[in-house]
N, C-alpha and C. Protein backbone atom coordinates (compact mmCIF):
# COMPACT_ATOMS: atom_id res chain seq x y z
N MET A 1 60.70 -51.60 -90.70
CA MET A 1 60.31 -51.37 -89.35
C MET A 1 58.79 -50.46 -89.66
N GLN A 2 57.86 -51.18 -88.79
CA GLN A 2 56.74 -50.59 -88.67
C GLN A 2 56.49 -49.51 -87.78
N VAL A 3 55.80 -48.18 -88.09
CA VAL A 3 55.69 -47.38 -87.05
C VAL A 3 54.30 -47.29 -86.73
N GLU A 4 53.96 -47.18 -85.43
CA GLU A 4 52.60 -47.20 -84.85
C GLU A 4 52.30 -45.76 -84.93
N PRO A 5 50.83 -45.60 -85.28
CA PRO A 5 50.55 -44.28 -85.37
C PRO A 5 50.33 -43.68 -83.89
N VAL A 6 50.52 -42.46 -83.80
CA VAL A 6 50.47 -41.78 -82.43
C VAL A 6 49.28 -40.90 -82.34
N ALA A 7 48.57 -40.94 -81.28
CA ALA A 7 47.46 -39.75 -81.19
C ALA A 7 48.02 -38.42 -80.99
N ARG A 8 47.55 -37.47 -81.65
CA ARG A 8 48.06 -36.22 -81.42
C ARG A 8 46.68 -35.20 -81.21
N PHE A 9 47.15 -33.83 -80.85
CA PHE A 9 46.05 -32.91 -80.53
C PHE A 9 46.47 -31.62 -81.18
N SER A 10 45.35 -30.91 -81.47
CA SER A 10 45.32 -29.54 -82.02
C SER A 10 44.50 -28.81 -81.40
N GLU A 11 44.90 -27.44 -81.05
CA GLU A 11 44.05 -26.58 -80.27
C GLU A 11 43.94 -25.43 -80.88
N LEU A 12 42.64 -24.62 -80.53
CA LEU A 12 42.45 -23.26 -81.19
C LEU A 12 41.67 -22.41 -80.04
N THR A 13 41.95 -21.32 -80.18
CA THR A 13 41.56 -20.23 -79.12
C THR A 13 39.98 -20.00 -79.47
N LEU A 14 39.29 -20.02 -78.13
CA LEU A 14 37.88 -19.64 -78.14
C LEU A 14 37.94 -18.07 -77.76
N ASP A 15 37.15 -17.33 -78.58
CA ASP A 15 36.81 -15.89 -78.35
C ASP A 15 35.24 -15.72 -78.38
N VAL A 16 34.90 -15.60 -76.95
CA VAL A 16 33.29 -15.74 -76.65
C VAL A 16 32.77 -14.41 -77.30
N LYS A 17 31.80 -14.43 -78.03
CA LYS A 17 31.22 -13.24 -78.48
C LYS A 17 29.78 -13.08 -78.04
N ALA A 18 29.15 -14.09 -77.53
CA ALA A 18 27.68 -13.81 -76.78
C ALA A 18 27.39 -15.03 -76.06
N ALA A 19 26.36 -14.72 -75.10
CA ALA A 19 26.14 -15.79 -74.23
C ALA A 19 24.65 -15.70 -74.24
N SER A 20 23.82 -16.78 -74.02
CA SER A 20 22.48 -16.63 -73.73
C SER A 20 21.94 -18.06 -73.15
N ALA A 21 21.25 -18.91 -73.77
CA ALA A 21 20.71 -20.03 -73.27
C ALA A 21 21.78 -21.23 -72.64
N ALA A 22 21.36 -22.19 -72.23
CA ALA A 22 22.12 -23.08 -71.51
C ALA A 22 22.94 -24.11 -72.34
N GLY A 23 24.40 -24.25 -71.63
CA GLY A 23 24.99 -25.34 -71.90
C GLY A 23 25.62 -25.69 -73.28
N THR A 24 25.95 -24.62 -74.29
CA THR A 24 26.58 -24.99 -75.38
C THR A 24 27.72 -23.86 -75.70
N VAL A 25 28.81 -24.38 -76.18
CA VAL A 25 29.97 -23.62 -76.70
C VAL A 25 30.12 -23.93 -78.06
N GLU A 26 30.32 -23.02 -78.82
CA GLU A 26 30.41 -22.96 -80.50
C GLU A 26 31.41 -22.28 -81.16
N GLY A 27 32.22 -22.85 -82.06
CA GLY A 27 32.97 -22.10 -82.70
C GLY A 27 33.89 -23.01 -83.65
N TRP A 28 35.00 -22.49 -84.19
CA TRP A 28 35.91 -23.21 -85.11
C TRP A 28 36.81 -24.05 -84.19
N VAL A 29 36.90 -25.25 -84.47
CA VAL A 29 37.91 -26.29 -83.91
C VAL A 29 39.17 -26.29 -84.73
N THR A 30 38.94 -26.14 -86.05
CA THR A 30 40.09 -25.99 -86.85
C THR A 30 39.74 -25.15 -88.08
N THR A 31 40.81 -24.43 -88.62
CA THR A 31 40.69 -23.89 -89.89
C THR A 31 41.59 -24.33 -91.04
N TYR A 32 41.18 -24.32 -91.91
CA TYR A 32 42.04 -25.09 -93.22
C TYR A 32 43.18 -24.15 -93.73
N GLY A 33 44.22 -24.96 -94.16
CA GLY A 33 45.38 -24.28 -94.72
C GLY A 33 46.40 -23.50 -93.93
N PRO A 34 47.28 -22.93 -94.52
CA PRO A 34 48.31 -22.29 -93.68
C PRO A 34 47.76 -21.09 -93.11
N PRO A 35 48.24 -20.31 -92.04
CA PRO A 35 49.53 -20.77 -91.49
C PRO A 35 49.45 -21.86 -90.63
N ALA A 36 50.50 -22.54 -90.35
CA ALA A 36 50.52 -23.68 -89.34
C ALA A 36 50.35 -23.32 -88.04
N ASP A 37 49.82 -24.21 -87.13
CA ASP A 37 49.48 -23.91 -85.70
C ASP A 37 50.89 -24.05 -85.10
N ARG A 38 50.83 -23.88 -83.69
CA ARG A 38 52.21 -23.76 -82.83
C ARG A 38 52.92 -25.10 -83.03
N MET A 39 52.25 -26.27 -83.35
CA MET A 39 52.86 -27.57 -83.39
C MET A 39 53.49 -27.70 -84.70
N GLY A 40 53.35 -26.89 -85.70
CA GLY A 40 53.72 -27.05 -87.07
C GLY A 40 52.76 -27.62 -87.90
N ASP A 41 51.68 -28.00 -87.37
CA ASP A 41 50.61 -28.70 -88.22
C ASP A 41 49.73 -27.85 -89.11
N VAL A 42 49.48 -28.42 -90.30
CA VAL A 42 48.24 -27.64 -91.27
C VAL A 42 47.30 -28.42 -91.58
N VAL A 43 46.09 -28.44 -91.25
CA VAL A 43 44.85 -29.27 -91.54
C VAL A 43 44.39 -28.82 -92.77
N ILE A 44 44.47 -29.78 -93.77
CA ILE A 44 44.00 -29.59 -95.13
C ILE A 44 42.41 -29.85 -95.35
N GLU A 45 41.79 -29.09 -96.09
CA GLU A 45 40.39 -29.20 -96.31
C GLU A 45 40.09 -30.56 -96.57
N GLY A 46 38.88 -31.04 -96.09
CA GLY A 46 38.53 -32.47 -96.20
C GLY A 46 39.21 -33.52 -95.27
N ALA A 47 40.19 -33.04 -94.64
CA ALA A 47 41.08 -33.96 -93.76
C ALA A 47 39.98 -34.85 -92.88
N PHE A 48 38.92 -34.27 -92.30
CA PHE A 48 37.98 -34.91 -91.23
C PHE A 48 36.72 -35.44 -92.26
N GLY A 49 36.72 -35.62 -93.33
CA GLY A 49 35.59 -36.00 -94.23
C GLY A 49 34.67 -34.76 -94.42
N LEU A 50 33.67 -34.96 -95.10
CA LEU A 50 32.81 -34.03 -95.44
C LEU A 50 31.50 -33.86 -94.72
N GLN A 51 31.19 -35.11 -93.67
CA GLN A 51 30.04 -35.41 -93.21
C GLN A 51 30.15 -34.75 -91.86
N LYS A 52 29.00 -34.34 -91.19
CA LYS A 52 29.01 -34.10 -89.67
C LYS A 52 29.33 -35.42 -88.81
N PHE A 53 29.62 -35.19 -87.70
CA PHE A 53 29.98 -36.35 -86.78
C PHE A 53 30.03 -36.00 -85.63
N GLU A 54 29.73 -36.78 -84.45
CA GLU A 54 29.94 -36.77 -83.05
C GLU A 54 31.15 -37.55 -82.43
N ARG A 55 31.45 -36.89 -81.31
CA ARG A 55 32.46 -37.42 -80.65
C ARG A 55 32.29 -36.97 -79.19
N PRO A 56 33.04 -37.65 -78.11
CA PRO A 56 32.96 -37.10 -76.75
C PRO A 56 33.56 -36.02 -76.66
N LEU A 57 32.95 -34.92 -75.71
CA LEU A 57 33.73 -33.59 -75.23
C LEU A 57 34.29 -33.75 -74.12
N LEU A 58 35.71 -33.52 -74.03
CA LEU A 58 36.35 -33.80 -72.91
C LEU A 58 36.92 -32.47 -72.31
N TYR A 59 37.43 -32.56 -70.98
CA TYR A 59 38.09 -31.30 -70.39
C TYR A 59 39.56 -31.61 -70.51
N ASN A 60 40.42 -30.88 -71.32
CA ASN A 60 41.74 -30.98 -71.30
C ASN A 60 42.21 -32.42 -71.79
N HIS A 61 41.54 -32.99 -72.79
CA HIS A 61 41.99 -34.25 -73.39
C HIS A 61 41.82 -35.51 -72.45
N ASP A 62 41.31 -35.27 -71.15
CA ASP A 62 41.20 -36.33 -70.13
C ASP A 62 40.02 -37.24 -70.30
N THR A 63 40.24 -38.62 -70.73
CA THR A 63 39.27 -39.43 -71.08
C THR A 63 38.53 -39.75 -69.68
N ASN A 64 39.05 -39.36 -68.59
CA ASN A 64 38.20 -39.57 -67.41
C ASN A 64 37.44 -38.41 -66.95
N ARG A 65 37.37 -37.32 -67.87
CA ARG A 65 36.69 -36.12 -67.54
C ARG A 65 35.86 -35.68 -68.75
N VAL A 66 34.93 -36.58 -69.20
CA VAL A 66 34.02 -36.44 -70.21
C VAL A 66 32.94 -35.34 -69.74
N ILE A 67 32.75 -34.42 -70.46
CA ILE A 67 31.74 -33.17 -69.89
C ILE A 67 30.59 -33.03 -70.86
N GLY A 68 30.65 -33.73 -71.94
CA GLY A 68 29.45 -33.57 -72.86
C GLY A 68 29.72 -34.18 -74.24
N LYS A 69 29.13 -33.72 -75.33
CA LYS A 69 29.08 -34.20 -76.77
C LYS A 69 29.68 -33.06 -77.61
N ALA A 70 30.52 -33.38 -78.63
CA ALA A 70 31.13 -32.64 -79.46
C ALA A 70 30.51 -32.81 -80.82
N LEU A 71 29.79 -31.89 -81.35
CA LEU A 71 29.22 -32.01 -82.78
C LEU A 71 30.11 -31.35 -83.86
N PHE A 72 30.83 -32.00 -84.67
CA PHE A 72 31.79 -31.54 -85.66
C PHE A 72 30.96 -31.38 -86.86
N GLU A 73 31.12 -30.21 -87.62
CA GLU A 73 30.58 -29.88 -88.89
C GLU A 73 31.85 -29.39 -89.85
N PRO A 74 32.28 -30.15 -90.72
CA PRO A 74 33.12 -29.64 -91.91
C PRO A 74 32.42 -28.41 -92.65
N ARG A 75 33.00 -27.37 -92.86
CA ARG A 75 32.70 -26.31 -93.72
C ARG A 75 33.73 -25.85 -94.54
N ALA A 76 33.46 -24.79 -95.41
CA ALA A 76 34.40 -24.47 -96.48
C ALA A 76 35.63 -23.95 -95.88
N GLU A 77 35.57 -23.18 -94.87
CA GLU A 77 36.80 -22.55 -94.28
C GLU A 77 37.67 -23.28 -92.91
N GLY A 78 36.77 -24.05 -92.69
CA GLY A 78 37.16 -25.00 -91.40
C GLY A 78 36.27 -25.96 -90.88
N THR A 79 36.49 -26.68 -89.77
CA THR A 79 35.40 -27.46 -89.03
C THR A 79 34.93 -26.62 -87.87
N TRP A 80 33.62 -26.60 -87.66
CA TRP A 80 32.90 -25.82 -86.80
C TRP A 80 32.66 -27.04 -85.60
N LEU A 81 32.64 -26.61 -84.51
CA LEU A 81 32.42 -27.63 -83.38
C LEU A 81 31.31 -26.92 -82.41
N LYS A 82 30.31 -27.62 -82.09
CA LYS A 82 29.12 -27.50 -81.20
C LYS A 82 29.39 -28.37 -80.12
N GLY A 83 29.81 -27.72 -78.95
CA GLY A 83 29.80 -28.41 -77.76
C GLY A 83 28.63 -28.36 -76.78
N ILE A 84 27.85 -29.64 -76.58
CA ILE A 84 26.83 -29.52 -75.68
C ILE A 84 27.27 -30.20 -74.35
N LEU A 85 27.33 -29.31 -73.33
CA LEU A 85 27.92 -29.59 -71.97
C LEU A 85 26.90 -30.26 -71.18
N ALA A 86 27.16 -31.06 -70.40
CA ALA A 86 26.22 -31.94 -69.69
C ALA A 86 25.76 -31.34 -68.34
N ILE A 87 25.36 -30.03 -68.42
CA ILE A 87 25.11 -29.13 -67.29
C ILE A 87 23.54 -29.65 -66.69
N ASP A 88 22.87 -30.57 -67.32
CA ASP A 88 21.56 -31.11 -66.66
C ASP A 88 21.85 -32.59 -66.15
N SER A 89 23.08 -32.93 -66.15
CA SER A 89 23.26 -34.41 -65.68
C SER A 89 22.69 -34.65 -64.30
N PRO A 90 22.13 -35.84 -63.93
CA PRO A 90 21.90 -35.95 -62.55
C PRO A 90 23.06 -36.25 -61.61
N SER A 91 24.22 -36.44 -62.35
CA SER A 91 25.54 -36.78 -61.55
C SER A 91 25.95 -35.31 -61.17
N VAL A 92 26.04 -35.20 -59.95
CA VAL A 92 26.59 -33.87 -59.27
C VAL A 92 27.92 -33.50 -59.71
N GLU A 93 28.72 -34.68 -59.83
CA GLU A 93 30.19 -34.32 -60.34
C GLU A 93 30.27 -33.97 -61.80
N LEU A 94 29.55 -34.82 -62.46
CA LEU A 94 29.61 -34.20 -64.03
C LEU A 94 29.03 -32.88 -64.40
N LYS A 95 27.95 -32.62 -63.67
CA LYS A 95 27.41 -31.48 -63.78
C LYS A 95 28.25 -30.25 -63.31
N ALA A 96 28.83 -30.40 -62.06
CA ALA A 96 29.75 -29.30 -61.71
C ALA A 96 30.95 -29.00 -62.54
N GLU A 97 31.41 -30.19 -63.22
CA GLU A 97 32.56 -29.90 -64.19
C GLU A 97 32.03 -29.27 -65.54
N ALA A 98 30.96 -29.71 -65.88
CA ALA A 98 30.48 -29.14 -67.16
C ALA A 98 30.11 -27.63 -66.90
N MET A 99 29.44 -27.25 -65.76
CA MET A 99 29.20 -25.90 -65.51
C MET A 99 30.40 -25.22 -65.29
N ARG A 100 31.42 -25.69 -64.66
CA ARG A 100 32.82 -25.01 -64.81
C ARG A 100 33.26 -24.76 -65.94
N ALA A 101 33.29 -25.75 -66.91
CA ALA A 101 33.98 -25.59 -68.04
C ALA A 101 33.16 -24.23 -68.98
N ASN A 102 31.81 -24.39 -68.64
CA ASN A 102 30.94 -23.52 -69.34
C ASN A 102 31.26 -22.00 -68.91
N GLU A 103 31.46 -21.82 -67.66
CA GLU A 103 31.89 -20.43 -67.14
C GLU A 103 33.08 -20.12 -67.58
N LEU A 104 34.16 -21.06 -67.60
CA LEU A 104 35.56 -20.68 -68.04
C LEU A 104 35.44 -20.23 -69.60
N ALA A 105 34.76 -20.91 -70.21
CA ALA A 105 34.61 -20.63 -71.76
C ALA A 105 33.97 -19.27 -71.89
N LYS A 106 32.94 -18.79 -71.07
CA LYS A 106 32.25 -17.66 -70.99
C LYS A 106 33.22 -16.53 -70.74
N MET A 107 34.26 -16.84 -69.90
CA MET A 107 35.39 -15.92 -69.49
C MET A 107 36.34 -15.64 -70.75
N GLY A 108 36.42 -16.64 -71.53
CA GLY A 108 37.42 -16.62 -72.58
C GLY A 108 38.66 -17.15 -72.41
N VAL A 109 38.78 -18.09 -71.31
CA VAL A 109 40.02 -18.49 -70.93
C VAL A 109 40.13 -20.01 -71.36
N LEU A 110 39.32 -20.58 -72.07
CA LEU A 110 39.48 -21.98 -72.65
C LEU A 110 39.63 -21.84 -74.30
N ALA A 111 40.12 -22.93 -74.72
CA ALA A 111 40.09 -23.21 -76.02
C ALA A 111 39.66 -24.50 -76.65
N PHE A 112 39.17 -24.52 -77.90
CA PHE A 112 38.74 -25.90 -78.48
C PHE A 112 39.96 -26.57 -78.75
N SER A 113 40.03 -27.83 -78.83
CA SER A 113 41.10 -28.78 -79.13
C SER A 113 40.48 -29.90 -79.67
N PHE A 114 41.29 -30.90 -80.39
CA PHE A 114 40.82 -31.96 -80.90
C PHE A 114 41.82 -33.26 -80.74
N GLY A 115 41.65 -34.31 -80.42
CA GLY A 115 42.59 -35.40 -80.35
C GLY A 115 42.29 -36.29 -81.72
N TYR A 116 43.33 -36.27 -82.36
CA TYR A 116 43.29 -37.09 -83.81
C TYR A 116 44.58 -38.11 -83.76
N GLN A 117 44.34 -38.94 -84.95
CA GLN A 117 45.35 -39.87 -85.42
C GLN A 117 45.41 -39.40 -86.84
N THR A 118 46.63 -39.12 -87.45
CA THR A 118 46.76 -38.83 -88.80
C THR A 118 46.74 -40.09 -89.55
N LEU A 119 46.00 -40.15 -90.69
CA LEU A 119 45.98 -41.34 -91.48
C LEU A 119 46.66 -41.13 -92.70
N VAL A 120 46.60 -39.86 -93.22
CA VAL A 120 47.40 -39.42 -94.41
C VAL A 120 48.08 -38.09 -93.95
N GLY A 121 49.37 -38.00 -93.95
CA GLY A 121 49.96 -36.72 -93.78
C GLY A 121 51.36 -36.62 -94.09
N LYS A 122 51.75 -35.39 -94.53
CA LYS A 122 53.02 -35.42 -95.11
C LYS A 122 53.89 -34.18 -94.41
N PRO A 123 55.22 -34.59 -94.02
CA PRO A 123 56.04 -33.65 -93.30
C PRO A 123 56.03 -32.27 -94.07
N ASN A 124 56.02 -31.22 -93.28
CA ASN A 124 56.01 -29.79 -93.93
C ASN A 124 57.36 -29.16 -93.32
N GLU A 125 57.41 -27.92 -93.90
CA GLU A 125 58.58 -27.01 -93.60
C GLU A 125 58.29 -26.32 -92.19
N HIS A 126 57.14 -26.58 -91.45
CA HIS A 126 57.09 -25.99 -90.30
C HIS A 126 57.48 -26.95 -89.07
N GLY A 127 57.83 -28.05 -89.44
CA GLY A 127 58.22 -28.95 -88.36
C GLY A 127 57.15 -29.89 -87.95
N GLY A 128 56.08 -29.87 -88.66
CA GLY A 128 54.95 -30.64 -88.35
C GLY A 128 54.58 -31.37 -89.54
N GLU A 129 53.10 -31.44 -89.80
CA GLU A 129 52.75 -32.11 -90.90
C GLU A 129 51.69 -31.44 -91.65
N ASP A 130 51.42 -31.67 -92.91
CA ASP A 130 49.95 -31.35 -93.49
C ASP A 130 49.20 -32.59 -93.40
N ILE A 131 48.13 -32.48 -92.84
CA ILE A 131 47.22 -33.50 -92.45
C ILE A 131 46.19 -33.52 -93.43
N HIS A 132 46.16 -34.64 -94.35
CA HIS A 132 45.29 -34.73 -95.36
C HIS A 132 44.21 -35.80 -95.03
N LYS A 133 44.23 -36.46 -93.98
CA LYS A 133 43.14 -37.35 -93.57
C LYS A 133 43.57 -37.68 -92.24
N ALA A 134 42.39 -37.60 -91.38
CA ALA A 134 42.74 -37.86 -89.81
C ALA A 134 41.52 -38.53 -89.18
N ASP A 135 41.77 -39.26 -88.27
CA ASP A 135 40.45 -39.86 -87.46
C ASP A 135 40.46 -39.04 -86.28
N VAL A 136 39.46 -38.47 -86.19
CA VAL A 136 39.28 -37.41 -84.84
C VAL A 136 38.49 -38.36 -83.77
N MET A 137 39.23 -38.37 -82.69
CA MET A 137 38.72 -39.22 -81.70
C MET A 137 37.84 -38.57 -80.44
N GLU A 138 38.14 -37.15 -80.31
CA GLU A 138 37.54 -36.50 -79.41
C GLU A 138 37.66 -34.75 -79.50
N GLY A 139 36.74 -34.18 -79.02
CA GLY A 139 36.79 -32.72 -78.78
C GLY A 139 37.17 -32.31 -77.46
N SER A 140 37.81 -31.19 -77.22
CA SER A 140 38.05 -30.82 -75.66
C SER A 140 38.22 -29.45 -75.56
N LEU A 141 37.87 -28.94 -74.53
CA LEU A 141 38.13 -27.73 -74.11
C LEU A 141 39.31 -27.59 -73.19
N VAL A 142 40.35 -26.78 -73.40
CA VAL A 142 41.55 -26.65 -72.99
C VAL A 142 42.02 -25.22 -72.56
N PRO A 143 42.86 -25.16 -71.68
CA PRO A 143 43.21 -23.84 -71.08
C PRO A 143 44.37 -23.04 -72.21
N ILE A 144 45.20 -23.87 -72.92
CA ILE A 144 46.25 -23.48 -73.67
C ILE A 144 46.17 -23.86 -75.17
N PRO A 145 45.93 -22.99 -75.97
CA PRO A 145 45.85 -23.29 -77.37
C PRO A 145 47.24 -23.31 -78.26
N ALA A 146 47.13 -24.23 -79.28
CA ALA A 146 48.19 -24.36 -79.99
C ALA A 146 47.89 -23.60 -81.24
N ASN A 147 46.65 -23.26 -81.73
CA ASN A 147 46.33 -22.59 -82.94
C ASN A 147 45.37 -21.41 -82.78
N PRO A 148 45.79 -20.23 -82.57
CA PRO A 148 44.90 -18.93 -82.13
C PRO A 148 43.93 -18.55 -83.21
N ARG A 149 43.79 -19.39 -84.20
CA ARG A 149 42.86 -18.81 -85.33
C ARG A 149 41.31 -19.20 -85.19
N ALA A 150 41.06 -20.09 -84.19
CA ALA A 150 39.69 -20.37 -84.28
C ALA A 150 38.98 -19.31 -83.25
N LEU A 151 37.63 -18.98 -83.60
CA LEU A 151 36.72 -18.18 -82.94
C LEU A 151 35.76 -18.96 -82.24
N VAL A 152 35.23 -18.94 -81.01
CA VAL A 152 34.13 -19.33 -80.44
C VAL A 152 33.18 -18.25 -80.55
N MET A 153 31.93 -18.44 -81.41
CA MET A 153 30.98 -17.49 -81.49
C MET A 153 29.85 -17.44 -80.37
N ALA A 154 29.81 -18.42 -79.53
CA ALA A 154 28.71 -18.43 -78.49
C ALA A 154 29.17 -19.30 -77.28
N ALA A 155 29.09 -18.80 -76.17
CA ALA A 155 29.22 -19.74 -74.83
C ALA A 155 27.94 -19.35 -74.26
N LYS A 156 27.03 -20.45 -74.06
CA LYS A 156 25.76 -20.04 -73.50
C LYS A 156 25.64 -20.59 -72.06
N SER A 157 25.08 -19.67 -71.25
CA SER A 157 25.14 -19.81 -69.78
C SER A 157 24.04 -20.59 -69.30
N TYR A 158 24.52 -21.54 -68.20
CA TYR A 158 23.34 -22.20 -67.65
C TYR A 158 22.35 -21.39 -66.80
N LEU A 159 22.82 -20.31 -66.15
CA LEU A 159 22.11 -19.39 -65.11
C LEU A 159 20.90 -18.57 -66.05
N VAL A 160 21.20 -18.48 -67.33
CA VAL A 160 20.25 -17.69 -68.17
C VAL A 160 19.35 -18.35 -68.93
N LYS A 161 19.19 -19.74 -68.61
CA LYS A 161 18.24 -20.66 -69.28
C LYS A 161 16.77 -20.15 -68.98
N ALA A 162 16.03 -19.81 -70.15
CA ALA A 162 14.71 -19.41 -69.98
C ALA A 162 13.82 -20.22 -69.26
N GLY A 163 13.34 -19.58 -68.43
CA GLY A 163 12.08 -20.45 -67.50
C GLY A 163 12.81 -21.38 -66.42
N ALA A 164 14.02 -21.48 -66.46
CA ALA A 164 14.80 -22.55 -65.51
C ALA A 164 14.72 -22.14 -64.08
N ARG A 165 14.55 -23.00 -63.16
CA ARG A 165 14.54 -22.94 -61.79
C ARG A 165 15.91 -23.63 -61.28
N HIS A 166 16.47 -22.96 -60.48
CA HIS A 166 17.76 -23.68 -59.95
C HIS A 166 17.67 -23.75 -58.42
N SER A 167 18.17 -24.77 -57.88
CA SER A 167 18.27 -24.93 -56.46
C SER A 167 19.54 -24.12 -55.70
N SER A 168 19.46 -23.77 -54.64
CA SER A 168 20.80 -23.24 -53.96
C SER A 168 22.01 -24.24 -54.08
N LYS A 169 21.78 -25.46 -54.16
CA LYS A 169 22.91 -26.47 -54.63
C LYS A 169 23.48 -26.16 -55.78
N ASP A 170 22.64 -25.83 -56.93
CA ASP A 170 23.11 -25.46 -58.14
C ASP A 170 23.91 -24.28 -58.19
N VAL A 171 23.50 -23.18 -57.55
CA VAL A 171 24.33 -21.93 -57.39
C VAL A 171 25.59 -22.25 -56.59
N ASP A 172 25.61 -23.10 -55.54
CA ASP A 172 26.70 -23.22 -54.83
C ASP A 172 27.83 -23.99 -55.68
N ILE A 173 27.44 -24.85 -56.66
CA ILE A 173 28.34 -25.52 -57.46
C ILE A 173 29.14 -24.49 -58.31
N LEU A 174 28.38 -23.32 -58.76
CA LEU A 174 29.03 -22.30 -59.55
C LEU A 174 30.03 -21.40 -58.64
N THR A 175 29.86 -21.26 -57.73
CA THR A 175 30.50 -20.39 -56.78
C THR A 175 31.72 -20.97 -55.91
């Protein structure tokens, strides 16, 4: 019997430490090794490779709600994610959703997450798996985290962009 791979998600809490220029959210999308996340999964160092890579940044893993670009950077202690939100988009709907996600991240009510497919994994004693190699499909901002160990070090605000001018329409989108 052949088993088809299943897409999975892992989430980490954002802890906003600073806010300054426009449209980025940064922090740990995963940390390596135990303890397991709430799903029982443990990401092993090197599971995402050793090179930086880009994927779409989604809101709540919804492929119909792309809000920007996720830049993943594997580091010694985990994988760092820099989310670049589409707050300068000419699309009013996209801009509004990206600005909303940015404001919620600044409030500390969102978490980073990633959608992935395990390529090499082993069942573990936590009811999940130790992930040795995975194909990361997307990064997401989500309201409920599975893994509370990641920290967002910055959520940068649209409204404090140096020298930027904003129309009343932009301000209305935020309120």
